[in-house]
Structures are given as structure tokens and as C-alpha cells.
Amino acid sequence: MRKAMMIIAAMLALCGGQAMAQRCLPEMSAVEIKADMADGFYTGNSRDCGYSFGVYYSVFKGSANTWSFGGEYLQTYKPYAEKGRIPVAQFTAEVGYNLHLVSDYSQTFHLYGGLSVLGGYETVNWGKHTLSDGSTIHNGDAFIYGGALTLQADFYLSDKIALTANVKERFVFGNSTGHFHTQYGVGVKFIIE
């Protein structure tokens, strides 16, 4: 009789929504692929905004906080003359810590706030200093360094896949083309055991 009562209690617990998914546990890891808009909405004809792509590896720590390591390619443009634009590309490596801010009871939604450091290389007009009209660019290629503040939301589709949405403010130094870039976009995160 005692065994039957324990089995019934366990079944009620499972059917009553008490069993939660095992997500964001310490030492779990994830690979994330992101695509962002930068400094506005990029349509192909936009003169002063751009886009970025990044790949990140994250390791979950206690309380669902994460360490993340990754790389990013950021392409922006500087308006030139009436209809022209000059490409500015940044290749950066990034290391950051993301603090778990809030999640729902079912562990389907997680919100993170993060701080990271970054370093890399910036190229202006792909290293070409003379434009097609004969003008000379005085901004040169440079090694850059800085950081970023991030706000990211994860929406779990299953225990192994989550969709992400993020807003990121990058600040970089060592260059002469601009120090701040606002990025926003989406991504997909694959959880690795």
C-alpha cells in the first residue's frame, strides 16, 4: 500500500506540472550564432548603418549565469559625397560574463544582462586610401579594443534549442572612425551537454 501511495504521489507531481526542464545547469555549454543590425536598419541602400555576424561559445555557471567567448564581424558604412559610402569593417574577439536577471517558472524564457571586453582589427575601405574620385582617406586601419554592454532574451523551443533576441552597445577605442555602435538582432543557441 505504501508503494502504491508513493507511485500515485509521483504521478501527480509529474502531471501537475511540477517537473521542470533541466536547463541552464552548471557546466552545461552552448554554441550561439547571431545576426545583428548595427547603427540603424540596414536595407542595402542605407548609407550609414550596417550589420554583424557572430559565433559564441557559452558555459553555464551557478544561478544560470554564463561566461561567453566568441568572435564577431561588424560591417558599417560612412556616408561620402552625395550618394557614396565608405565601408568600415571590424573583426573582434570577445570575452564576457552574462548575469541571469529573470526567468519564468517553466524555464522557457530567460533574460540576461552582460558585460564583455573585446579586441580586434578595423579596416577602412579595405585598406585602400584613394577613392574613385581621387580623394584620399585619412582614416587608417587600426587595432581596436573596448567593451560591450548586452541585454539578451532566450526563448527555449526545446531543451537543446533556444531563439535569442539581443540589444548590444559596443564601445571601441584605438580607431578614428567612431567609438560607439548600437546593435540589435536575433540568434539561435544550441545547448551542448
Protein backbone atom coordinates (compact mmCIF):
# COMPACT_ATOMS: atom_id res chain seq x y z
CA MET A 1 0.00 0.00 0.00
CA ARG A 2 2.86 2.36 0.85
CA LYS A 3 4.49 1.75 -2.57
CA ALA A 4 1.20 2.46 -4.35
CA MET A 5 0.83 5.78 -2.47
CA MET A 6 4.36 6.84 -3.44
CA ILE A 7 3.76 5.97 -7.09
CA ILE A 8 0.48 7.92 -7.11
CA ALA A 9 2.19 10.92 -5.47
CA ALA A 10 4.99 10.82 -8.06
CA MET A 11 2.49 10.64 -10.93
CA LEU A 12 0.51 13.57 -9.53
CA ALA A 13 3.72 15.58 -9.26
CA LEU A 14 4.61 14.83 -12.88
CA CYS A 15 1.11 15.50 -14.20
CA GLY A 16 0.65 18.59 -12.05
CA GLY A 17 3.42 20.48 -13.86
CA GLN A 18 5.95 20.14 -11.08
CA ALA A 19 8.65 18.52 -13.21
CA MET A 20 10.67 21.25 -14.93
CA ALA A 21 13.10 21.04 -17.80
CA GLN A 22 16.75 20.72 -16.93
CA ARG A 23 18.01 23.95 -18.48
CA CYS A 24 20.90 26.29 -17.65
CA LEU A 25 22.51 23.87 -15.21
CA PRO A 26 26.13 24.45 -14.11
CA GLU A 27 28.75 23.16 -16.57
CA MET A 28 26.28 22.91 -19.46
CA SER A 29 27.51 24.72 -22.57
CA ALA A 30 26.03 26.24 -25.71
CA VAL A 31 27.01 27.43 -29.17
CA GLU A 32 25.21 30.52 -30.43
CA ILE A 33 25.03 32.09 -33.88
CA LYS A 34 23.91 35.74 -34.05
CA ALA A 35 22.95 38.18 -36.82
CA ASP A 36 22.52 41.84 -35.90
CA MET A 37 21.74 45.22 -37.44
CA ALA A 38 24.15 48.00 -36.45
CA ASP A 39 23.60 51.74 -36.09
CA GLY A 40 20.14 51.69 -37.67
CA PHE A 41 18.25 49.41 -40.01
CA TYR A 42 20.33 48.11 -42.93
CA THR A 43 18.49 47.75 -46.23
CA GLY A 44 21.38 47.63 -48.70
CA ASN A 45 20.80 51.24 -49.74
CA SER A 46 21.35 52.68 -46.26
CA ARG A 47 24.35 54.99 -46.20
CA ASP A 48 25.43 54.97 -42.55
CA CYS A 49 24.38 51.71 -40.89
CA GLY A 50 25.45 48.11 -41.16
CA TYR A 51 25.24 44.56 -39.92
CA SER A 52 27.19 41.99 -37.93
CA PHE A 53 27.54 38.23 -37.59
CA GLY A 54 28.93 36.41 -34.59
CA VAL A 55 29.59 32.95 -33.19
CA TYR A 56 29.82 32.42 -29.42
CA TYR A 57 30.53 29.56 -27.03
CA SER A 58 28.94 29.84 -23.56
CA VAL A 59 29.44 27.89 -20.33
CA PHE A 60 26.71 28.00 -17.69
CA LYS A 61 27.74 28.64 -14.10
CA GLY A 62 25.70 28.73 -10.89
CA SER A 63 22.33 30.56 -10.88
CA ALA A 64 22.18 30.30 -14.72
CA ASN A 65 24.93 32.92 -15.18
CA THR A 66 27.24 32.33 -18.16
CA TRP A 67 30.75 33.01 -19.40
CA SER A 68 30.84 33.57 -23.17
CA PHE A 69 33.70 33.51 -25.67
CA GLY A 70 33.33 34.39 -29.32
CA GLY A 71 34.13 36.32 -32.43
CA GLU A 72 32.25 38.87 -34.48
CA TYR A 73 32.40 40.55 -37.86
CA LEU A 74 30.86 44.07 -37.95
CA GLN A 75 30.38 45.94 -41.24
CA THR A 76 29.31 49.60 -41.11
CA TYR A 77 29.43 52.44 -43.63
CA LYS A 78 30.38 56.11 -43.51
CA PRO A 79 28.46 58.42 -45.89
CA TYR A 80 30.62 60.03 -48.55
CA ALA A 81 29.64 62.80 -51.00
CA GLU A 82 26.01 62.79 -52.14
CA LYS A 83 25.35 59.09 -52.66
CA GLY A 84 28.58 57.34 -51.80
CA ARG A 85 29.66 55.42 -48.73
CA ILE A 86 32.91 54.06 -47.34
CA PRO A 87 32.93 50.58 -45.76
CA VAL A 88 34.39 50.12 -42.27
CA ALA A 89 34.83 46.51 -41.09
CA GLN A 90 35.74 45.27 -37.61
CA PHE A 91 36.93 41.76 -36.76
CA THR A 92 36.82 41.22 -32.99
CA ALA A 93 37.22 38.53 -30.35
CA GLU A 94 35.09 38.88 -27.22
CA VAL A 95 35.01 37.50 -23.67
CA GLY A 96 32.08 38.31 -21.41
CA TYR A 97 30.04 37.47 -18.35
CA ASN A 98 26.23 37.36 -18.53
CA LEU A 99 24.23 37.78 -15.34
CA HIS A 100 20.91 35.95 -15.23
CA LEU A 101 18.28 38.59 -14.41
CA VAL A 102 14.94 36.78 -14.58
CA SER A 103 13.22 33.67 -15.95
CA ASP A 104 9.73 32.25 -15.93
CA TYR A 105 8.59 29.31 -13.85
CA SER A 106 8.77 26.84 -16.76
CA GLN A 107 12.36 27.89 -17.68
CA THR A 108 11.19 28.78 -21.21
CA PHE A 109 12.20 32.45 -21.02
CA HIS A 110 15.49 33.82 -19.63
CA LEU A 111 16.72 37.42 -19.55
CA TYR A 112 20.44 38.23 -19.21
CA GLY A 113 22.48 41.39 -18.75
CA GLY A 114 26.10 41.14 -19.82
CA LEU A 115 29.42 42.94 -19.84
CA SER A 116 32.29 41.94 -22.10
CA VAL A 117 35.72 43.02 -23.28
CA LEU A 118 36.77 42.86 -26.90
CA GLY A 119 39.76 43.39 -29.11
CA GLY A 120 40.50 43.08 -32.79
CA TYR A 121 41.22 44.87 -36.02
CA GLU A 122 39.40 47.55 -38.00
CA THR A 123 39.89 48.23 -41.70
CA VAL A 124 38.63 51.33 -43.54
CA ASN A 125 37.72 50.88 -47.23
CA TRP A 126 39.57 47.54 -47.12
CA GLY A 127 42.93 49.31 -46.86
CA LYS A 128 42.51 51.43 -50.00
CA HIS A 129 43.32 55.07 -49.20
CA THR A 130 42.42 56.55 -52.60
CA LEU A 131 38.77 56.73 -53.64
CA SER A 132 37.45 56.50 -57.21
CA ASP A 133 37.18 60.31 -57.47
CA GLY A 134 40.83 60.79 -56.44
CA SER A 135 40.13 61.79 -52.83
CA THR A 136 42.36 60.42 -50.09
CA ILE A 137 41.08 58.79 -46.88
CA HIS A 138 43.00 59.88 -43.80
CA ASN A 139 41.43 57.26 -41.52
CA GLY A 140 43.58 54.17 -41.48
CA ASP A 141 43.37 50.57 -40.40
CA ALA A 142 43.93 50.05 -36.67
CA PHE A 143 43.98 47.57 -33.83
CA ILE A 144 40.97 48.21 -31.62
CA TYR A 145 39.97 47.39 -28.05
CA GLY A 146 36.99 48.11 -25.84
CA GLY A 147 33.91 46.50 -24.41
CA ALA A 148 30.19 45.95 -24.75
CA LEU A 149 27.01 46.02 -22.69
CA THR A 150 24.37 43.46 -23.69
CA LEU A 151 20.74 42.72 -22.85
CA GLN A 152 19.65 39.32 -24.20
CA ALA A 153 16.45 37.26 -24.02
CA ASP A 154 16.45 33.50 -24.64
CA PHE A 155 13.27 31.66 -25.66
CA TYR A 156 13.65 27.88 -25.38
CA LEU A 157 11.93 25.84 -28.08
CA SER A 158 13.22 22.62 -26.51
CA ASP A 159 15.90 21.59 -24.01
CA LYS A 160 18.51 21.80 -26.79
CA ILE A 161 17.46 24.82 -28.92
CA ALA A 162 16.70 28.42 -27.98
CA LEU A 163 15.96 31.51 -30.04
CA THR A 164 17.63 34.70 -28.82
CA ALA A 165 16.99 38.42 -29.18
CA ASN A 166 19.58 40.96 -28.09
CA VAL A 167 20.49 44.62 -27.85
CA LYS A 168 24.18 45.48 -27.58
CA GLU A 169 26.15 48.72 -27.20
CA ARG A 170 29.78 48.37 -28.31
CA PHE A 171 32.42 50.93 -27.44
CA VAL A 172 35.82 50.64 -29.10
CA PHE A 173 38.99 52.71 -28.94
CA GLY A 174 42.19 52.88 -30.97
CA ASN A 175 40.40 53.88 -34.17
CA SER A 176 39.36 57.17 -35.75
CA THR A 177 36.04 56.19 -37.36
CA GLY A 178 33.71 56.20 -34.34
CA HIS A 179 33.70 54.72 -30.89
CA PHE A 180 30.10 53.57 -30.30
CA HIS A 181 27.91 51.10 -32.20
CA THR A 182 24.39 50.04 -31.24
CA GLN A 183 23.45 46.55 -32.40
CA TYR A 184 20.19 44.62 -32.20
CA GLY A 185 19.27 41.29 -33.63
CA VAL A 186 18.41 37.64 -33.29
CA GLY A 187 20.19 34.35 -33.00
CA VAL A 188 19.87 30.66 -32.33
CA LYS A 189 21.51 28.83 -29.43
CA PHE A 190 22.29 25.09 -29.43
CA ILE A 191 22.75 23.52 -25.99
CA ILE A 192 25.58 21.02 -25.58
CA GLU A 193 25.68 18.64 -22.62
